[in-house]
Structures are given as structure tokens and as C-alpha cells.
PDB file of all heavy atoms in Angstrom:
ATOM      1  N   GLY A   1     112.840 125.844 108.253  1.00  0.00           N
ATOM      2  CA  GLY A   1     113.955 125.394 107.441  1.00  0.00           C
ATOM      3  C   GLY A   1     113.534 124.586 106.223  1.00  0.00           C
ATOM      4  O   GLY A   1     112.373 124.501 105.864  1.00  0.00           O
ATOM      5  N   ARG A   2     114.531 123.984 105.573  1.00  0.00           N
ATOM      6  CA  ARG A   2     114.318 123.183 104.381  1.00  0.00           C
ATOM      7  C   ARG A   2     114.831 121.772 104.622  1.00  0.00           C
ATOM      8  O   ARG A   2     115.658 121.527 105.478  1.00  0.00           O
ATOM      9  CB  ARG A   2     115.062 123.809 103.188  1.00  0.00           C
ATOM     10  CG  ARG A   2     114.590 125.208 102.832  1.00  0.00           C
ATOM     11  CD  ARG A   2     113.216 125.189 102.193  1.00  0.00           C
ATOM     12  NE  ARG A   2     113.225 124.452 100.945  1.00  0.00           N
ATOM     13  CZ  ARG A   2     113.613 124.978  99.781  1.00  0.00           C
ATOM     14  NH1 ARG A   2     114.020 126.217  99.719  1.00  0.00           N
ATOM     15  NH2 ARG A   2     113.581 124.252  98.685  1.00  0.00           N
ATOM     16  N   ALA A   3     114.333 120.828 103.843  1.00  0.00           N
ATOM     17  CA  ALA A   3     114.725 119.430 104.005  1.00  0.00           C
ATOM     18  C   ALA A   3     116.219 119.259 103.779  1.00  0.00           C
ATOM     19  O   ALA A   3     116.783 119.858 102.858  1.00  0.00           O
ATOM     20  CB  ALA A   3     113.954 118.559 103.017  1.00  0.00           C
ATOM     21  N   PRO A   4     116.896 118.442 104.618  1.00  0.00           N
ATOM     22  CA  PRO A   4     118.326 118.235 104.466  1.00  0.00           C
ATOM     23  C   PRO A   4     118.679 117.365 103.269  1.00  0.00           C
ATOM     24  O   PRO A   4     119.826 117.301 102.860  1.00  0.00           O
ATOM     25  CB  PRO A   4     118.723 117.549 105.775  1.00  0.00           C
ATOM     26  CG  PRO A   4     117.485 116.834 106.197  1.00  0.00           C
ATOM     27  CD  PRO A   4     116.346 117.716 105.768  1.00  0.00           C
ATOM     28  N   LYS A   5     117.704 116.652 102.713  1.00  0.00           N
ATOM     29  CA  LYS A   5     117.924 115.900 101.483  1.00  0.00           C
ATOM     30  C   LYS A   5     116.586 115.718 100.793  1.00  0.00           C
ATOM     31  O   LYS A   5     115.536 116.030 101.359  1.00  0.00           O
ATOM     32  CB  LYS A   5     118.598 114.557 101.755  1.00  0.00           C
ATOM     33  CG  LYS A   5     117.861 113.650 102.718  1.00  0.00           C
ATOM     34  CD  LYS A   5     118.626 112.352 102.923  1.00  0.00           C
ATOM     35  CE  LYS A   5     117.934 111.479 103.961  1.00  0.00           C
ATOM     36  NZ  LYS A   5     118.598 110.172 104.132  1.00  0.00           N
ATOM     37  N   GLY A   6     116.621 115.221  99.568  1.00  0.00           N
ATOM     38  CA  GLY A   6     115.429 115.196  98.746  1.00  0.00           C
ATOM     39  C   GLY A   6     114.262 114.436  99.343  1.00  0.00           C
ATOM     40  O   GLY A   6     114.374 113.263  99.681  1.00  0.00           O
ATOM     41  N   VAL A   7     113.116 115.100  99.479  1.00  0.00           N
ATOM     42  CA  VAL A   7     111.889 114.495  99.987  1.00  0.00           C
ATOM     43  C   VAL A   7     111.012 114.101  98.808  1.00  0.00           C
ATOM     44  O   VAL A   7     110.924 114.822  97.819  1.00  0.00           O
ATOM     45  CB  VAL A   7     111.147 115.485 100.907  1.00  0.00           C
ATOM     46  CG1 VAL A   7     109.740 114.993 101.218  1.00  0.00           C
ATOM     47  CG2 VAL A   7     111.923 115.708 102.195  1.00  0.00           C
ATOM     48  N   ASN A   8     110.394 112.951  98.924  1.00  0.00           N
ATOM     49  CA  ASN A   8     109.434 112.509  97.913  1.00  0.00           C
ATOM     50  C   ASN A   8     108.308 111.777  98.637  1.00  0.00           C
ATOM     51  O   ASN A   8     108.386 111.529  99.844  1.00  0.00           O
ATOM     52  CB  ASN A   8     110.116 111.596  96.885  1.00  0.00           C
ATOM     53  CG  ASN A   8     109.446 111.643  95.514  1.00  0.00           C
ATOM     54  OD1 ASN A   8     108.233 111.799  95.407  1.00  0.00           O
ATOM     55  ND2 ASN A   8     110.242 111.505  94.462  1.00  0.00           N
ATOM     56  N   ASP A   9     107.284 111.432  97.918  1.00  0.00           N
ATOM     57  CA  ASP A   9     106.140 110.750  98.513  1.00  0.00           C
ATOM     58  C   ASP A   9     106.589 109.467  99.214  1.00  0.00           C
ATOM     59  O   ASP A   9     107.155 108.569  98.585  1.00  0.00           O
ATOM     60  CB  ASP A   9     105.116 110.410  97.428  1.00  0.00           C
ATOM     61  CG  ASP A   9     104.721 111.626  96.614  1.00  0.00           C
ATOM     62  OD1 ASP A   9     104.412 112.665  97.222  1.00  0.00           O
ATOM     63  OD2 ASP A   9     104.733 111.546  95.373  1.00  0.00           O
ATOM     64  N   GLY A  10     106.348 109.392 100.523  1.00  0.00           N
ATOM     65  CA  GLY A  10     106.728 108.211 101.281  1.00  0.00           C
ATOM     66  C   GLY A  10     108.192 108.151 101.664  1.00  0.00           C
ATOM     67  O   GLY A  10     108.608 107.250 102.398  1.00  0.00           O
ATOM     68  N   ASN A  11     108.965 109.084 101.182  1.00  0.00           N
ATOM     69  CA  ASN A  11     110.408 109.117 101.430  1.00  0.00           C
ATOM     70  C   ASN A  11     110.752 110.440 102.108  1.00  0.00           C
ATOM     71  O   ASN A  11     111.052 111.430 101.463  1.00  0.00           O
ATOM     72  CB  ASN A  11     111.169 108.976 100.113  1.00  0.00           C
ATOM     73  CG  ASN A  11     112.666 108.824 100.312  1.00  0.00           C
ATOM     74  OD1 ASN A  11     113.144 108.610 101.426  1.00  0.00           O
ATOM     75  ND2 ASN A  11     113.415 108.940  99.227  1.00  0.00           N
ATOM     76  N   GLY A  12     110.651 110.435 103.451  1.00  0.00           N
ATOM     77  CA  GLY A  12     110.797 111.681 104.204  1.00  0.00           C
ATOM     78  C   GLY A  12     109.492 112.428 104.341  1.00  0.00           C
ATOM     79  O   GLY A  12     109.445 113.513 104.917  1.00  0.00           O
ATOM     80  N   PHE A  13     108.417 111.843 103.844  1.00  0.00           N
ATOM     81  CA  PHE A  13     107.117 112.515 103.777  1.00  0.00           C
ATOM     82  C   PHE A  13     106.027 111.499 104.098  1.00  0.00           C
ATOM     83  O   PHE A  13     106.036 110.375 103.585  1.00  0.00           O
ATOM     84  CB  PHE A  13     106.908 113.066 102.361  1.00  0.00           C
ATOM     85  CG  PHE A  13     105.756 114.016 102.199  1.00  0.00           C
ATOM     86  CD1 PHE A  13     105.978 115.376 102.082  1.00  0.00           C
ATOM     87  CD2 PHE A  13     104.450 113.559 102.139  1.00  0.00           C
ATOM     88  CE1 PHE A  13     104.924 116.265 101.909  1.00  0.00           C
ATOM     89  CE2 PHE A  13     103.389 114.431 101.976  1.00  0.00           C
ATOM     90  CZ  PHE A  13     103.625 115.796 101.855  1.00  0.00           C
ATOM     91  N   VAL A  14     105.074 111.894 104.941  1.00  0.00           N
ATOM     92  CA  VAL A  14     103.939 111.032 105.250  1.00  0.00           C
ATOM     93  C   VAL A  14     102.702 111.893 105.466  1.00  0.00           C
ATOM     94  O   VAL A  14     102.781 113.018 105.971  1.00  0.00           O
ATOM     95  CB  VAL A  14     104.225 110.138 106.482  1.00  0.00           C
ATOM     96  CG1 VAL A  14     104.462 110.976 107.731  1.00  0.00           C
ATOM     97  CG2 VAL A  14     103.106 109.133 106.712  1.00  0.00           C
ATOM     98  N   PHE A  15     101.554 111.361 105.072  1.00  0.00           N
ATOM     99  CA  PHE A  15     100.286 112.081 105.121  1.00  0.00           C
ATOM    100  C   PHE A  15      99.280 111.279 105.932  1.00  0.00           C
ATOM    101  O   PHE A  15      99.123 110.069 105.726  1.00  0.00           O
ATOM    102  CB  PHE A  15      99.755 112.289 103.696  1.00  0.00           C
ATOM    103  CG  PHE A  15      98.426 112.982 103.607  1.00  0.00           C
ATOM    104  CD1 PHE A  15      98.354 114.365 103.456  1.00  0.00           C
ATOM    105  CD2 PHE A  15      97.238 112.260 103.657  1.00  0.00           C
ATOM    106  CE1 PHE A  15      97.127 115.003 103.360  1.00  0.00           C
ATOM    107  CE2 PHE A  15      96.009 112.885 103.568  1.00  0.00           C
ATOM    108  CZ  PHE A  15      95.953 114.268 103.421  1.00  0.00           C
ATOM    109  N   ILE A  16      98.593 111.969 106.857  1.00  0.00           N
ATOM    110  CA  ILE A  16      97.557 111.332 107.672  1.00  0.00           C
ATOM    111  C   ILE A  16      96.229 112.010 107.362  1.00  0.00           C
ATOM    112  O   ILE A  16      96.098 113.232 107.473  1.00  0.00           O
ATOM    113  CB  ILE A  16      97.867 111.456 109.174  1.00  0.00           C
ATOM    114  CG1 ILE A  16      99.222 110.821 109.484  1.00  0.00           C
ATOM    115  CG2 ILE A  16      96.788 110.788 110.006  1.00  0.00           C
ATOM    116  CD1 ILE A  16     100.049 111.603 110.439  1.00  0.00           C
ATOM    117  N   SER A  17      95.240 111.229 106.975  1.00  0.00           N
ATOM    118  CA  SER A  17      93.949 111.793 106.594  1.00  0.00           C
ATOM    119  C   SER A  17      93.124 112.167 107.817  1.00  0.00           C
ATOM    120  O   SER A  17      93.466 111.845 108.960  1.00  0.00           O
ATOM    121  CB  SER A  17      93.168 110.790 105.735  1.00  0.00           C
ATOM    122  OG  SER A  17      92.506 109.833 106.557  1.00  0.00           O
ATOM    123  N   HIS A  18      92.003 112.809 107.561  1.00  0.00           N
ATOM    124  CA  HIS A  18      91.111 113.267 108.634  1.00  0.00           C
ATOM    125  C   HIS A  18      90.572 112.109 109.471  1.00  0.00           C
ATOM    126  O   HIS A  18      90.210 112.300 110.633  1.00  0.00           O
ATOM    127  CB  HIS A  18      89.954 114.073 108.036  1.00  0.00           C
ATOM    128  CG  HIS A  18      89.126 113.307 107.040  1.00  0.00           C
ATOM    129  ND1 HIS A  18      89.649 112.754 105.902  1.00  0.00           N
ATOM    130  CD2 HIS A  18      87.792 113.002 107.032  1.00  0.00           C
ATOM    131  CE1 HIS A  18      88.685 112.147 105.215  1.00  0.00           C
ATOM    132  NE2 HIS A  18      87.556 112.283 105.883  1.00  0.00           N
ATOM    133  N   ILE A  19      90.518 110.905 108.892  1.00  0.00           N
ATOM    134  CA  ILE A  19      90.010 109.757 109.645  1.00  0.00           C
ATOM    135  C   ILE A  19      91.141 108.812 110.059  1.00  0.00           C
ATOM    136  O   ILE A  19      90.894 107.686 110.500  1.00  0.00           O
ATOM    137  CB  ILE A  19      88.939 108.984 108.849  1.00  0.00           C
ATOM    138  CG1 ILE A  19      89.471 108.514 107.500  1.00  0.00           C
ATOM    139  CG2 ILE A  19      87.697 109.846 108.675  1.00  0.00           C
ATOM    140  CD1 ILE A  19      88.497 107.608 106.737  1.00  0.00           C
ATOM    141  N   GLY A  20      92.381 109.261 109.912  1.00  0.00           N
ATOM    142  CA  GLY A  20      93.508 108.497 110.414  1.00  0.00           C
ATOM    143  C   GLY A  20      94.191 107.582 109.423  1.00  0.00           C
ATOM    144  O   GLY A  20      95.169 106.901 109.776  1.00  0.00           O
ATOM    145  N   ASP A  21      93.712 107.531 108.176  1.00  0.00           N
ATOM    146  CA  ASP A  21      94.388 106.720 107.164  1.00  0.00           C
ATOM    147  C   ASP A  21      95.743 107.327 106.829  1.00  0.00           C
ATOM    148  O   ASP A  21      95.891 108.554 106.779  1.00  0.00           O
ATOM    149  CB  ASP A  21      93.539 106.618 105.896  1.00  0.00           C
ATOM    150  CG  ASP A  21      92.290 105.775 106.088  1.00  0.00           C
ATOM    151  OD1 ASP A  21      92.295 104.918 106.996  1.00  0.00           O
ATOM    152  OD2 ASP A  21      91.309 105.972 105.341  1.00  0.00           O
ATOM    153  N   VAL A  22      96.722 106.470 106.584  1.00  0.00           N
ATOM    154  CA  VAL A  22      98.092 106.916 106.320  1.00  0.00           C
ATOM    155  C   VAL A  22      98.449 106.639 104.861  1.00  0.00           C
ATOM    156  O   VAL A  22      98.265 105.516 104.367  1.00  0.00           O
ATOM    157  CB  VAL A  22      99.094 106.204 107.249  1.00  0.00           C
ATOM    158  CG1 VAL A  22     100.526 106.645 106.946  1.00  0.00           C
ATOM    159  CG2 VAL A  22      98.749 106.501 108.711  1.00  0.00           C
ATOM    160  N   TYR A  23      98.952 107.675 104.197  1.00  0.00           N
ATOM    161  CA  TYR A  23      99.342 107.595 102.793  1.00  0.00           C
ATOM    162  C   TYR A  23     100.756 108.151 102.616  1.00  0.00           C
ATOM    163  O   TYR A  23     101.210 108.969 103.425  1.00  0.00           O
ATOM    164  CB  TYR A  23      98.385 108.417 101.927  1.00  0.00           C
ATOM    165  CG  TYR A  23      96.936 108.004 102.010  1.00  0.00           C
ATOM    166  CD1 TYR A  23      96.061 108.647 102.885  1.00  0.00           C
ATOM    167  CD2 TYR A  23      96.430 106.992 101.202  1.00  0.00           C
ATOM    168  CE1 TYR A  23      94.725 108.273 102.962  1.00  0.00           C
ATOM    169  CE2 TYR A  23      95.089 106.616 101.269  1.00  0.00           C
ATOM    170  CZ  TYR A  23      94.243 107.267 102.150  1.00  0.00           C
ATOM    171  OH  TYR A  23      92.922 106.900 102.221  1.00  0.00           O
ATOM    172  N   PRO A  24     101.443 107.751 101.553  1.00  0.00           N
ATOM    173  CA  PRO A  24     102.750 108.351 101.261  1.00  0.00           C
ATOM    174  C   PRO A  24     102.649 109.844 100.997  1.00  0.00           C
ATOM    175  O   PRO A  24     103.598 110.593 101.214  1.00  0.00           O
ATOM    176  CB  PRO A  24     103.223 107.603 100.013  1.00  0.00           C
ATOM    177  CG  PRO A  24     102.406 106.351  99.971  1.00  0.00           C
ATOM    178  CD  PRO A  24     101.080 106.707 100.580  1.00  0.00           C
ATOM    179  N   SER A  25     101.476 110.276 100.528  1.00  0.00           N
ATOM    180  CA  SER A  25     101.212 111.678 100.226  1.00  0.00           C
ATOM    181  C   SER A  25      99.712 111.828 100.066  1.00  0.00           C
ATOM    182  O   SER A  25      99.009 110.858  99.753  1.00  0.00           O
ATOM    183  CB  SER A  25     101.931 112.085  98.928  1.00  0.00           C
ATOM    184  OG  SER A  25     101.349 113.230  98.346  1.00  0.00           O
ATOM    185  N   GLY A  26      99.219 113.048 100.266  1.00  0.00           N
ATOM    186  CA  GLY A  26      97.812 113.294 100.014  1.00  0.00           C
ATOM    187  C   GLY A  26      97.462 113.179  98.548  1.00  0.00           C
ATOM    188  O   GLY A  26      96.289 113.034  98.189  1.00  0.00           O
ATOM    189  N   LEU A  27      98.480 113.242  97.698  1.00  0.00           N
ATOM    190  CA  LEU A  27      98.285 113.147  96.254  1.00  0.00           C
ATOM    191  C   LEU A  27      98.474 111.724  95.736  1.00  0.00           C
ATOM    192  O   LEU A  27      98.303 111.467  94.553  1.00  0.00           O
ATOM    193  CB  LEU A  27      99.270 114.075  95.532  1.00  0.00           C
ATOM    194  CG  LEU A  27      99.181 115.553  95.911  1.00  0.00           C
ATOM    195  CD1 LEU A  27     100.393 116.303  95.397  1.00  0.00           C
ATOM    196  CD2 LEU A  27      97.892 116.171  95.375  1.00  0.00           C
ATOM    197  N   LEU A  28      98.866 110.812  96.630  1.00  0.00           N
ATOM    198  CA  LEU A  28      99.098 109.418  96.249  1.00  0.00           C
ATOM    199  C   LEU A  28      98.163 108.549  97.097  1.00  0.00           C
ATOM    200  O   LEU A  28      98.547 108.066  98.160  1.00  0.00           O
ATOM    201  CB  LEU A  28     100.566 109.034  96.479  1.00  0.00           C
ATOM    202  CG  LEU A  28     101.146 107.920  95.601  1.00  0.00           C
ATOM    203  CD1 LEU A  28     102.648 107.765  95.853  1.00  0.00           C
ATOM    204  CD2 LEU A  28     100.445 106.596  95.794  1.00  0.00           C
ATOM    205  N   PRO A  29      96.923 108.365  96.654  1.00  0.00           N
ATOM    206  CA  PRO A  29      95.895 107.726  97.477  1.00  0.00           C
ATOM    207  C   PRO A  29      96.004 106.206  97.539  1.00  0.00           C
ATOM    208  O   PRO A  29      95.085 105.475  97.152  1.00  0.00           O
ATOM    209  CB  PRO A  29      94.598 108.182  96.798  1.00  0.00           C
ATOM    210  CG  PRO A  29      94.975 108.343  95.358  1.00  0.00           C
ATOM    211  CD  PRO A  29      96.383 108.851  95.365  1.00  0.00           C
ATOM    212  N   VAL A  30      97.141 105.727  98.036  1.00  0.00           N
ATOM    213  CA  VAL A  30      97.339 104.299  98.265  1.00  0.00           C
ATOM    214  C   VAL A  30      97.522 104.114  99.769  1.00  0.00           C
ATOM    215  O   VAL A  30      98.553 104.482 100.334  1.00  0.00           O
ATOM    216  CB  VAL A  30      98.556 103.759  97.493  1.00  0.00           C
ATOM    217  CG1 VAL A  30      98.750 102.278  97.776  1.00  0.00           C
ATOM    218  CG2 VAL A  30      98.395 103.995  96.002  1.00  0.00           C
ATOM    219  N   LYS A  31      96.527 103.556 100.416  1.00  0.00           N
ATOM    220  CA  LYS A  31      96.505 103.462 101.877  1.00  0.00           C
ATOM    221  C   LYS A  31      97.503 102.426 102.389  1.00  0.00           C
ATOM    222  O   LYS A  31      97.558 101.294 101.907  1.00  0.00           O
ATOM    223  CB  LYS A  31      95.091 103.115 102.339  1.00  0.00           C
ATOM    224  CG  LYS A  31      94.923 102.998 103.851  1.00  0.00           C
ATOM    225  CD  LYS A  31      93.476 102.653 104.189  1.00  0.00           C
ATOM    226  CE  LYS A  31      93.306 102.311 105.653  1.00  0.00           C
ATOM    227  NZ  LYS A  31      91.902 101.937 105.971  1.00  0.00           N
TER     228      LYS A  31
END
């Protein structure tokens, strides 16, 4: 399916790196 409302970095979206670091997005490298 598709998101029920607008997703943005850190807003409905979260990224976990290979070593477990958490970022708002893989494109927004602020841990």
C-alpha cells in the first residue's frame, strides 16, 4: 500500500544503519 498521509524524514519514516545507528533518513546523516 501507500502512506495514509505525507511521510518525510523523521516524520513517519525512520532509518536504522547496519551498526544500529538511528537516523531520520538514510539521506539525513544526523544520528
